[in-house]
PDB file of N, CA and C in Angstrom:
ATOM      1  N   MET A   1     111.727 238.099 153.615  1.00  0.00           N
ATOM      2  CA  MET A   1     112.543 238.500 152.466  1.00  0.00           C
ATOM      3  C   MET A   1     111.635 239.049 151.368  1.00  0.00           C
ATOM      4  N   VAL A   2     112.012 240.175 150.828  1.00  0.00           N
ATOM      5  CA  VAL A   2     111.267 240.783 149.726  1.00  0.00           C
ATOM      6  C   VAL A   2     111.455 239.912 148.492  1.00  0.00           C
ATOM      7  N   LYS A   3     110.354 239.628 147.806  1.00  0.00           N
ATOM      8  CA  LYS A   3     110.403 238.764 146.635  1.00  0.00           C
ATOM      9  C   LYS A   3     110.100 239.491 145.333  1.00  0.00           C
ATOM     10  N   GLU A   4     109.609 240.739 145.432  1.00  0.00           N
ATOM     11  CA  GLU A   4     109.304 241.465 144.208  1.00  0.00           C
ATOM     12  C   GLU A   4     109.322 242.973 144.446  1.00  0.00           C
ATOM     13  N   ILE A   5     109.654 243.689 143.364  1.00  0.00           N
ATOM     14  CA  ILE A   5     109.546 245.142 143.346  1.00  0.00           C
ATOM     15  C   ILE A   5     108.778 245.513 142.086  1.00  0.00           C
ATOM     16  N   ILE A   6     108.310 246.747 142.049  1.00  0.00           N
ATOM     17  CA  ILE A   6     107.597 247.245 140.878  1.00  0.00           C
ATOM     18  C   ILE A   6     108.278 248.531 140.438  1.00  0.00           C
ATOM     19  N   LEU A   7     108.705 248.556 139.173  1.00  0.00           N
ATOM     20  CA  LEU A   7     109.298 249.760 138.584  1.00  0.00           C
ATOM     21  C   LEU A   7     108.384 250.222 137.463  1.00  0.00           C
ATOM     22  N   ASN A   8     107.833 251.430 137.594  1.00  0.00           N
ATOM     23  CA  ASN A   8     106.915 251.968 136.578  1.00  0.00           C
ATOM     24  C   ASN A   8     105.877 250.934 136.153  1.00  0.00           C
ATOM     25  N   ASN A   9     105.242 250.314 137.116  1.00  0.00           N
ATOM     26  CA  ASN A   9     104.176 249.325 136.898  1.00  0.00           C
ATOM     27  C   ASN A   9     104.653 248.012 136.293  1.00  0.00           C
ATOM     28  N   THR A  10     105.967 247.752 136.275  1.00  0.00           N
ATOM     29  CA  THR A  10     106.502 246.472 135.811  1.00  0.00           C
ATOM     30  C   THR A  10     106.964 245.672 137.021  1.00  0.00           C
ATOM     31  N   LEU A  11     106.372 244.500 137.201  1.00  0.00           N
ATOM     32  CA  LEU A  11     106.712 243.624 138.315  1.00  0.00           C
ATOM     33  C   LEU A  11     108.016 242.892 138.019  1.00  0.00           C
ATOM     34  N   ILE A  12     108.936 242.929 138.979  1.00  0.00           N
ATOM     35  CA  ILE A  12     110.216 242.237 138.849  1.00  0.00           C
ATOM     36  C   ILE A  12     110.394 241.344 140.072  1.00  0.00           C
ATOM     37  N   LYS A  13     110.562 240.051 139.825  1.00  0.00           N
ATOM     38  CA  LYS A  13     110.834 239.085 140.894  1.00  0.00           C
ATOM     39  C   LYS A  13     112.315 239.183 141.250  1.00  0.00           C
ATOM     40  N   VAL A  14     112.610 239.355 142.538  1.00  0.00           N
ATOM     41  CA  VAL A  14     114.000 239.527 142.977  1.00  0.00           C
ATOM     42  C   VAL A  14     114.446 238.345 143.835  1.00  0.00           C
ATOM     43  N   HIS A  15     115.759 238.048 143.769  1.00  0.00           N
ATOM     44  CA  HIS A  15     116.314 236.986 144.618  1.00  0.00           C
ATOM     45  C   HIS A  15     117.167 237.555 145.744  1.00  0.00           C
ATOM     46  N   SER A  16     117.422 238.862 145.693  1.00  0.00           N
ATOM     47  CA  SER A  16     118.103 239.519 146.814  1.00  0.00           C
ATOM     48  C   SER A  16     117.552 240.942 146.948  1.00  0.00           C
ATOM     49  N   PHE A  17     117.569 241.430 148.183  1.00  0.00           N
ATOM     50  CA  PHE A  17     117.026 242.761 148.463  1.00  0.00           C
ATOM     51  C   PHE A  17     117.726 243.327 149.687  1.00  0.00           C
ATOM     52  N   GLU A  18     118.187 244.567 149.573  1.00  0.00           N
ATOM     53  CA  GLU A  18     118.739 245.309 150.709  1.00  0.00           C
ATOM     54  C   GLU A  18     118.145 246.703 150.699  1.00  0.00           C
ATOM     55  N   GLU A  19     117.836 247.202 151.876  1.00  0.00           N
ATOM     56  CA  GLU A  19     117.263 248.543 152.015  1.00  0.00           C
ATOM     57  C   GLU A  19     118.106 249.340 153.001  1.00  0.00           C
ATOM     58  N   ARG A  20     118.407 250.594 152.656  1.00  0.00           N
ATOM     59  CA  ARG A  20     119.193 251.473 153.507  1.00  0.00           C
ATOM     60  C   ARG A  20     118.622 252.886 153.455  1.00  0.00           C
ATOM     61  N   LYS A  21     119.046 253.691 154.403  1.00  0.00           N
ATOM     62  CA  LYS A  21     118.793 255.131 154.369  1.00  0.00           C
ATOM     63  C   LYS A  21     120.123 255.817 154.095  1.00  0.00           C
ATOM     64  N   VAL A  22     120.153 256.678 153.082  1.00  0.00           N
ATOM     65  CA  VAL A  22     121.356 257.424 152.725  1.00  0.00           C
ATOM     66  C   VAL A  22     120.971 258.895 152.671  1.00  0.00           C
ATOM     67  N   ASN A  23     121.556 259.696 153.558  1.00  0.00           N
ATOM     68  CA  ASN A  23     121.221 261.123 153.634  1.00  0.00           C
ATOM     69  C   ASN A  23     119.717 261.351 153.702  1.00  0.00           C
ATOM     70  N   ASN A  24     119.054 260.555 154.528  1.00  0.00           N
ATOM     71  CA  ASN A  24     117.609 260.647 154.762  1.00  0.00           C
ATOM     72  C   ASN A  24     116.770 260.276 153.528  1.00  0.00           C
ATOM     73  N   SER A  25     117.358 259.549 152.586  1.00  0.00           N
ATOM     74  CA  SER A  25     116.640 259.065 151.407  1.00  0.00           C
ATOM     75  C   SER A  25     116.708 257.545 151.371  1.00  0.00           C
ATOM     76  N   HIS A  26     115.703 256.937 150.772  1.00  0.00           N
ATOM     77  CA  HIS A  26     115.684 255.479 150.618  1.00  0.00           C
ATOM     78  C   HIS A  26     116.666 255.055 149.532  1.00  0.00           C
ATOM     79  N   GLU A  27     117.329 253.937 149.783  1.00  0.00           N
ATOM     80  CA  GLU A  27     118.152 253.303 148.763  1.00  0.00           C
ATOM     81  C   GLU A  27     117.893 251.806 148.867  1.00  0.00           C
ATOM     82  N   ILE A  28     117.617 251.189 147.716  1.00  0.00           N
ATOM     83  CA  ILE A  28     117.454 249.744 147.703  1.00  0.00           C
ATOM     84  C   ILE A  28     118.400 249.147 146.670  1.00  0.00           C
ATOM     85  N   SER A  29     118.882 247.951 146.978  1.00  0.00           N
ATOM     86  CA  SER A  29     119.697 247.178 146.052  1.00  0.00           C
ATOM     87  C   SER A  29     119.011 245.841 145.866  1.00  0.00           C
ATOM     88  N   VAL A  30     118.869 245.436 144.614  1.00  0.00           N
ATOM     89  CA  VAL A  30     118.184 244.179 144.307  1.00  0.00           C
ATOM     90  C   VAL A  30     119.015 243.370 143.319  1.00  0.00           C
ATOM     91  N   GLY A  31     118.788 242.076 143.357  1.00  0.00           N
ATOM     92  CA  GLY A  31     119.342 241.166 142.376  1.00  0.00           C
ATOM     93  C   GLY A  31     118.196 240.404 141.750  1.00  0.00           C
ATOM     94  N   PHE A  32     118.249 240.214 140.442  1.00  0.00           N
ATOM     95  CA  PHE A  32     117.183 239.487 139.767  1.00  0.00           C
ATOM     96  C   PHE A  32     117.709 238.871 138.476  1.00  0.00           C
ATOM     97  N   GLU A  33     117.002 237.859 138.007  1.00  0.00           N
ATOM     98  CA  GLU A  33     117.377 237.197 136.767  1.00  0.00           C
ATOM     99  C   GLU A  33     116.558 237.750 135.610  1.00  0.00           C
ATOM    100  N   VAL A  34     117.194 237.827 134.457  1.00  0.00           N
ATOM    101  CA  VAL A  34     116.513 238.252 133.232  1.00  0.00           C
ATOM    102  C   VAL A  34     116.775 237.180 132.174  1.00  0.00           C
ATOM    103  N   THR A  35     115.702 236.676 131.594  1.00  0.00           N
ATOM    104  CA  THR A  35     115.830 235.681 130.539  1.00  0.00           C
ATOM    105  C   THR A  35     115.953 236.364 129.187  1.00  0.00           C
ATOM    106  N   SER A  36     116.411 235.608 128.211  1.00  0.00           N
ATOM    107  CA  SER A  36     116.501 236.163 126.858  1.00  0.00           C
ATOM    108  C   SER A  36     115.124 236.602 126.369  1.00  0.00           C
ATOM    109  N   LYS A  37     114.078 235.927 126.816  1.00  0.00           N
ATOM    110  CA  LYS A  37     112.715 236.293 126.412  1.00  0.00           C
ATOM    111  C   LYS A  37     112.310 237.665 126.954  1.00  0.00           C
ATOM    112  N   ALA A  38     112.724 237.986 128.193  1.00  0.00           N
ATOM    113  CA  ALA A  38     112.330 239.243 128.843  1.00  0.00           C
ATOM    114  C   ALA A  38     113.350 240.359 128.635  1.00  0.00           C
ATOM    115  N   TYR A  39     114.487 240.054 128.025  1.00  0.00           N
ATOM    116  CA  TYR A  39     115.599 240.999 127.926  1.00  0.00           C
ATOM    117  C   TYR A  39     115.199 242.343 127.315  1.00  0.00           C
ATOM    118  N   HIS A  40     114.547 242.336 126.185  1.00  0.00           N
ATOM    119  CA  HIS A  40     114.211 243.594 125.509  1.00  0.00           C
ATOM    120  C   HIS A  40     113.349 244.482 126.406  1.00  0.00           C
ATOM    121  N   ASP A  41     112.323 243.901 127.035  1.00  0.00           N
ATOM    122  CA  ASP A  41     111.424 244.686 127.892  1.00  0.00           C
ATOM    123  C   ASP A  41     112.163 245.256 129.097  1.00  0.00           C
ATOM    124  N   ILE A  42     113.019 244.458 129.720  1.00  0.00           N
ATOM    125  CA  ILE A  42     113.752 244.938 130.896  1.00  0.00           C
ATOM    126  C   ILE A  42     114.787 245.994 130.493  1.00  0.00           C
ATOM    127  N   ALA A  43     115.481 245.766 129.392  1.00  0.00           N
ATOM    128  CA  ALA A  43     116.471 246.757 128.927  1.00  0.00           C
ATOM    129  C   ALA A  43     115.795 248.084 128.612  1.00  0.00           C
ATOM    130  N   THR A  44     114.666 248.029 127.934  1.00  0.00           N
ATOM    131  CA  THR A  44     113.919 249.251 127.611  1.00  0.00           C
ATOM    132  C   THR A  44     113.474 249.965 128.875  1.00  0.00           C
ATOM    133  N   LEU A  45     113.009 249.210 129.854  1.00  0.00           N
ATOM    134  CA  LEU A  45     112.598 249.789 131.137  1.00  0.00           C
ATOM    135  C   LEU A  45     113.782 250.466 131.821  1.00  0.00           C
ATOM    136  N   LEU A  46     114.902 249.780 131.933  1.00  0.00           N
ATOM    137  CA  LEU A  46     116.048 250.325 132.664  1.00  0.00           C
ATOM    138  C   LEU A  46     116.653 251.544 131.985  1.00  0.00           C
ATOM    139  N   TYR A  47     116.544 251.635 130.665  1.00  0.00           N
ATOM    140  CA  TYR A  47     117.060 252.819 129.956  1.00  0.00           C
ATOM    141  C   TYR A  47     116.325 254.092 130.366  1.00  0.00           C
ATOM    142  N   GLN A  48     115.135 253.955 130.953  1.00  0.00           N
ATOM    143  CA  GLN A  48     114.406 255.141 131.421  1.00  0.00           C
ATOM    144  C   GLN A  48     115.159 255.843 132.553  1.00  0.00           C
ATOM    145  N   GLY A  49     115.892 255.085 133.362  1.00  0.00           N
ATOM    146  CA  GLY A  49     116.773 255.663 134.365  1.00  0.00           C
ATOM    147  C   GLY A  49     116.134 256.092 135.670  1.00  0.00           C
ATOM    148  N   THR A  50     114.923 256.619 135.629  1.00  0.00           N
ATOM    149  CA  THR A  50     114.216 257.076 136.824  1.00  0.00           C
ATOM    150  C   THR A  50     112.835 256.433 136.835  1.00  0.00           C
ATOM    151  N   PHE A  51     112.407 256.003 138.028  1.00  0.00           N
ATOM    152  CA  PHE A  51     111.217 255.152 138.124  1.00  0.00           C
ATOM    153  C   PHE A  51     110.345 255.504 139.318  1.00  0.00           C
ATOM    154  N   ASP A  52     109.076 255.132 139.206  1.00  0.00           N
ATOM    155  CA  ASP A  52     108.208 255.024 140.370  1.00  0.00           C
ATOM    156  C   ASP A  52     108.504 253.647 140.948  1.00  0.00           C
ATOM    157  N   VAL A  53     109.087 253.625 142.143  1.00  0.00           N
ATOM    158  CA  VAL A  53     109.533 252.382 142.773  1.00  0.00           C
ATOM    159  C   VAL A  53     108.530 251.999 143.850  1.00  0.00           C
ATOM    160  N   LYS A  54     108.112 250.740 143.832  1.00  0.00           N
ATOM    161  CA  LYS A  54     107.227 250.219 144.873  1.00  0.00           C
ATOM    162  C   LYS A  54     107.786 248.892 145.371  1.00  0.00           C
ATOM    163  N   VAL A  55     107.748 248.745 146.686  1.00  0.00           N
ATOM    164  CA  VAL A  55     108.135 247.497 147.329  1.00  0.00           C
ATOM    165  C   VAL A  55     106.939 247.096 148.191  1.00  0.00           C
ATOM    166  N   PRO A  56     105.986 246.362 147.608  1.00  0.00           N
ATOM    167  CA  PRO A  56     104.739 246.068 148.318  1.00  0.00           C
ATOM    168  C   PRO A  56     104.939 245.403 149.680  1.00  0.00           C
ATOM    169  N   GLU A  57     105.899 244.500 149.802  1.00  0.00           N
ATOM    170  CA  GLU A  57     106.105 243.783 151.060  1.00  0.00           C
ATOM    171  C   GLU A  57     106.636 244.674 152.174  1.00  0.00           C
ATOM    172  N   ARG A  58     107.133 245.852 151.831  1.00  0.00           N
ATOM    173  CA  ARG A  58     107.625 246.820 152.816  1.00  0.00           C
ATOM    174  C   ARG A  58     106.731 248.061 152.890  1.00  0.00           C
ATOM    175  N   ALA A  59     105.636 248.072 152.116  1.00  0.00           N
ATOM    176  CA  ALA A  59     104.771 249.253 152.035  1.00  0.00           C
ATOM    177  C   ALA A  59     105.603 250.497 151.736  1.00  0.00           C
ATOM    178  N   LEU A  60     106.536 250.345 150.819  1.00  0.00           N
ATOM    179  CA  LEU A  60     107.484 251.399 150.482  1.00  0.00           C
ATOM    180  C   LEU A  60     107.265 251.829 149.035  1.00  0.00           C
ATOM    181  N   SER A  61     107.227 253.138 148.831  1.00  0.00           N
ATOM    182  CA  SER A  61     107.178 253.658 147.464  1.00  0.00           C
ATOM    183  C   SER A  61     107.907 254.996 147.434  1.00  0.00           C
ATOM    184  N   PHE A  62     108.626 255.222 146.344  1.00  0.00           N
ATOM    185  CA  PHE A  62     109.370 256.465 146.165  1.00  0.00           C
ATOM    186  C   PHE A  62     109.737 256.618 144.701  1.00  0.00           C
ATOM    187  N   ARG A  63     110.167 257.808 144.328  1.00  0.00           N
ATOM    188  CA  ARG A  63     110.703 258.080 142.998  1.00  0.00           C
ATOM    189  C   ARG A  63     112.196 257.821 143.093  1.00  0.00           C
ATOM    190  N   GLY A  64     112.721 256.950 142.244  1.00  0.00           N
ATOM    191  CA  GLY A  64     114.114 256.571 142.363  1.00  0.00           C
ATOM    192  C   GLY A  64     114.848 256.583 141.035  1.00  0.00           C
ATOM    193  N   THR A  65     116.149 256.739 141.127  1.00  0.00           N
ATOM    194  CA  THR A  65     117.009 256.733 139.952  1.00  0.00           C
ATOM    195  C   THR A  65     118.120 255.702 140.138  1.00  0.00           C
ATOM    196  N   ILE A  66     118.666 255.222 139.048  1.00  0.00           N
ATOM    197  CA  ILE A  66     119.709 254.203 139.113  1.00  0.00           C
ATOM    198  C   ILE A  66     120.994 254.809 139.669  1.00  0.00           C
ATOM    199  N   GLY A  67     121.497 254.190 140.733  1.00  0.00           N
ATOM    200  CA  GLY A  67     122.788 254.572 141.297  1.00  0.00           C
ATOM    201  C   GLY A  67     123.884 253.663 140.786  1.00  0.00           C
ATOM    202  N   GLN A  68     123.585 252.361 140.727  1.00  0.00           N
ATOM    203  CA  GLN A  68     124.515 251.371 140.199  1.00  0.00           C
ATOM    204  C   GLN A  68     123.718 250.316 139.453  1.00  0.00           C
ATOM    205  N   TYR A  69     124.372 249.735 138.440  1.00  0.00           N
ATOM    206  CA  TYR A  69     123.717 248.724 137.639  1.00  0.00           C
ATOM    207  C   TYR A  69     124.781 247.824 137.032  1.00  0.00           C
ATOM    208  N   SER A  70     124.556 246.527 137.074  1.00  0.00           N
ATOM    209  CA  SER A  70     125.476 245.606 136.401  1.00  0.00           C
ATOM    210  C   SER A  70     124.716 244.346 136.012  1.00  0.00           C
ATOM    211  N   THR A  71     125.298 243.623 135.069  1.00  0.00           N
ATOM    212  CA  THR A  71     124.722 242.373 134.614  1.00  0.00           C
ATOM    213  C   THR A  71     125.837 241.375 134.357  1.00  0.00           C
ATOM    214  N   SER A  72     125.517 240.107 134.512  1.00  0.00           N
ATOM    215  CA  SER A  72     126.517 239.062 134.318  1.00  0.00           C
ATOM    216  C   SER A  72     126.717 238.719 132.849  1.00  0.00           C
ATOM    217  N   ILE A  73     125.844 239.197 131.993  1.00  0.00           N
ATOM    218  CA  ILE A  73     125.913 238.876 130.569  1.00  0.00           C
ATOM    219  C   ILE A  73     125.436 240.087 129.780  1.00  0.00           C
ATOM    220  N   THR A  74     126.070 240.384 128.673  1.00  0.00           N
ATOM    221  CA  THR A  74     125.721 241.589 127.932  1.00  0.00           C
ATOM    222  C   THR A  74     124.839 241.324 126.723  1.00  0.00           C
ATOM    223  N   ASN A  75     124.740 240.081 126.282  1.00  0.00           N
ATOM    224  CA  ASN A  75     123.919 239.794 125.109  1.00  0.00           C
ATOM    225  C   ASN A  75     122.932 238.683 125.428  1.00  0.00           C
ATOM    226  N   LEU A  76     121.731 239.073 125.746  1.00  0.00           N
ATOM    227  CA  LEU A  76     120.693 238.094 126.052  1.00  0.00           C
ATOM    228  C   LEU A  76     119.787 237.835 124.856  1.00  0.00           C
ATOM    229  N   TYR A  77     120.222 238.231 123.677  1.00  0.00           N
ATOM    230  CA  TYR A  77     119.401 237.979 122.497  1.00  0.00           C
ATOM    231  C   TYR A  77     119.432 236.514 122.077  1.00  0.00           C
ATOM    232  N   GLU A  78     120.426 235.755 122.536  1.00  0.00           N
ATOM    233  CA  GLU A  78     120.473 234.337 122.212  1.00  0.00           C
ATOM    234  C   GLU A  78     119.449 233.591 123.057  1.00  0.00           C
ATOM    235  N   LYS A  79     118.623 232.797 122.409  1.00  0.00           N
ATOM    236  CA  LYS A  79     117.553 232.060 123.077  1.00  0.00           C
ATOM    237  C   LYS A  79     118.107 231.170 124.187  1.00  0.00           C
ATOM    238  N   GLY A  80     117.405 231.159 125.317  1.00  0.00           N
ATOM    239  CA  GLY A  80     117.755 230.299 126.433  1.00  0.00           C
ATOM    240  C   GLY A  80     118.764 230.876 127.406  1.00  0.00           C
ATOM    241  N   GLN A  81     119.251 232.070 127.171  1.00  0.00           N
ATOM    242  CA  GLN A  81     120.225 232.704 128.065  1.00  0.00           C
ATOM    243  C   GLN A  81     119.523 233.315 129.281  1.00  0.00           C
ATOM    244  N   VAL A  82     120.240 233.362 130.405  1.00  0.00           N
ATOM    245  CA  VAL A  82     119.743 234.012 131.622  1.00  0.00           C
ATOM    246  C   VAL A  82     120.873 234.847 132.200  1.00  0.00           C
ATOM    247  N   GLY A  83     120.579 236.104 132.487  1.00  0.00           N
ATOM    248  CA  GLY A  83     121.567 236.985 133.092  1.00  0.00           C
ATOM    249  C   GLY A  83     121.164 237.364 134.499  1.00  0.00           C
ATOM    250  N   ASN A  84     122.155 237.537 135.364  1.00  0.00           N
ATOM    251  CA  ASN A  84     121.919 238.035 136.714  1.00  0.00           C
ATOM    252  C   ASN A  84     122.164 239.535 136.722  1.00  0.00           C
ATOM    253  N   TYR A  85     121.155 240.285 137.116  1.00  0.00           N
ATOM    254  CA  TYR A  85     121.237 241.736 137.165  1.00  0.00           C
ATOM    255  C   TYR A  85     121.335 242.188 138.612  1.00  0.00           C
ATOM    256  N   SER A  86     122.132 243.227 138.840  1.00  0.00           N
ATOM    257  CA  SER A  86     122.219 243.905 140.139  1.00  0.00           C
ATOM    258  C   SER A  86     121.854 245.362 139.891  1.00  0.00           C
ATOM    259  N   LEU A  87     120.989 245.894 140.728  1.00  0.00           N
ATOM    260  CA  LEU A  87     120.477 247.243 140.528  1.00  0.00           C
ATOM    261  C   LEU A  87     120.354 247.944 141.872  1.00  0.00           C
ATOM    262  N   THR A  88     120.894 249.147 141.956  1.00  0.00           N
ATOM    263  CA  THR A  88     120.718 249.986 143.148  1.00  0.00           C
ATOM    264  C   THR A  88     119.954 251.233 142.739  1.00  0.00           C
ATOM    265  N   LEU A  89     118.890 251.513 143.471  1.00  0.00           N
ATOM    266  CA  LEU A  89     118.029 252.664 143.203  1.00  0.00           C
ATOM    267  C   LEU A  89     118.056 253.592 144.404  1.00  0.00           C
ATOM    268  N   LEU A  90     118.244 254.881 144.124  1.00  0.00           N
ATOM    269  CA  LEU A  90     118.302 255.900 145.167  1.00  0.00           C
ATOM    270  C   LEU A  90     117.136 256.868 145.002  1.00  0.00           C
ATOM    271  N   GLU A  91     116.472 257.136 146.096  1.00  0.00           N
ATOM    272  CA  GLU A  91     115.335 258.063 146.069  1.00  0.00           C
ATOM    273  C   GLU A  91     115.783 259.448 145.633  1.00  0.00           C
ATOM    274  N   VAL A  92     114.999 260.053 144.756  1.00  0.00           N
ATOM    275  CA  VAL A  92     115.243 261.426 144.350  1.00  0.00           C
ATOM    276  C   VAL A  92     114.147 262.295 144.933  1.00  0.00           C
ATOM    277  N   LYS A  93     114.543 263.409 145.467  1.00  0.00           N
ATOM    278  CA  LYS A  93     113.583 264.363 146.063  1.00  0.00           C
ATOM    279  C   LYS A  93     113.188 265.376 145.013  1.00  0.00           C
ATOM    280  N   ASN A  94     111.912 265.692 144.958  1.00  0.00           N
ATOM    281  CA  ASN A  94     111.418 266.690 143.975  1.00  0.00           C
ATOM    282  C   ASN A  94     111.653 268.088 144.450  1.00  0.00           C
TER     283      ASN A  94
END
């Protein structure tokens, strides 16, 4: 089971991972937790929309963009909160 991905040099620990091929492009879906402490950094990262994606445990790397994104909580500014994030990234061809 994949335990981490890297988006633009930011390591993210994941609790779920799925990998597929869609129209000959890589697509991955991940689930991960975000704490109120990490919320600002993760939100800022995700607003970039397109990333250098690395999955070290699969020796996989590609340029990817957000296909789907959701979170279980919208305000993680309150101390001690934890949100579950779901993210799907689709490879973009140059």
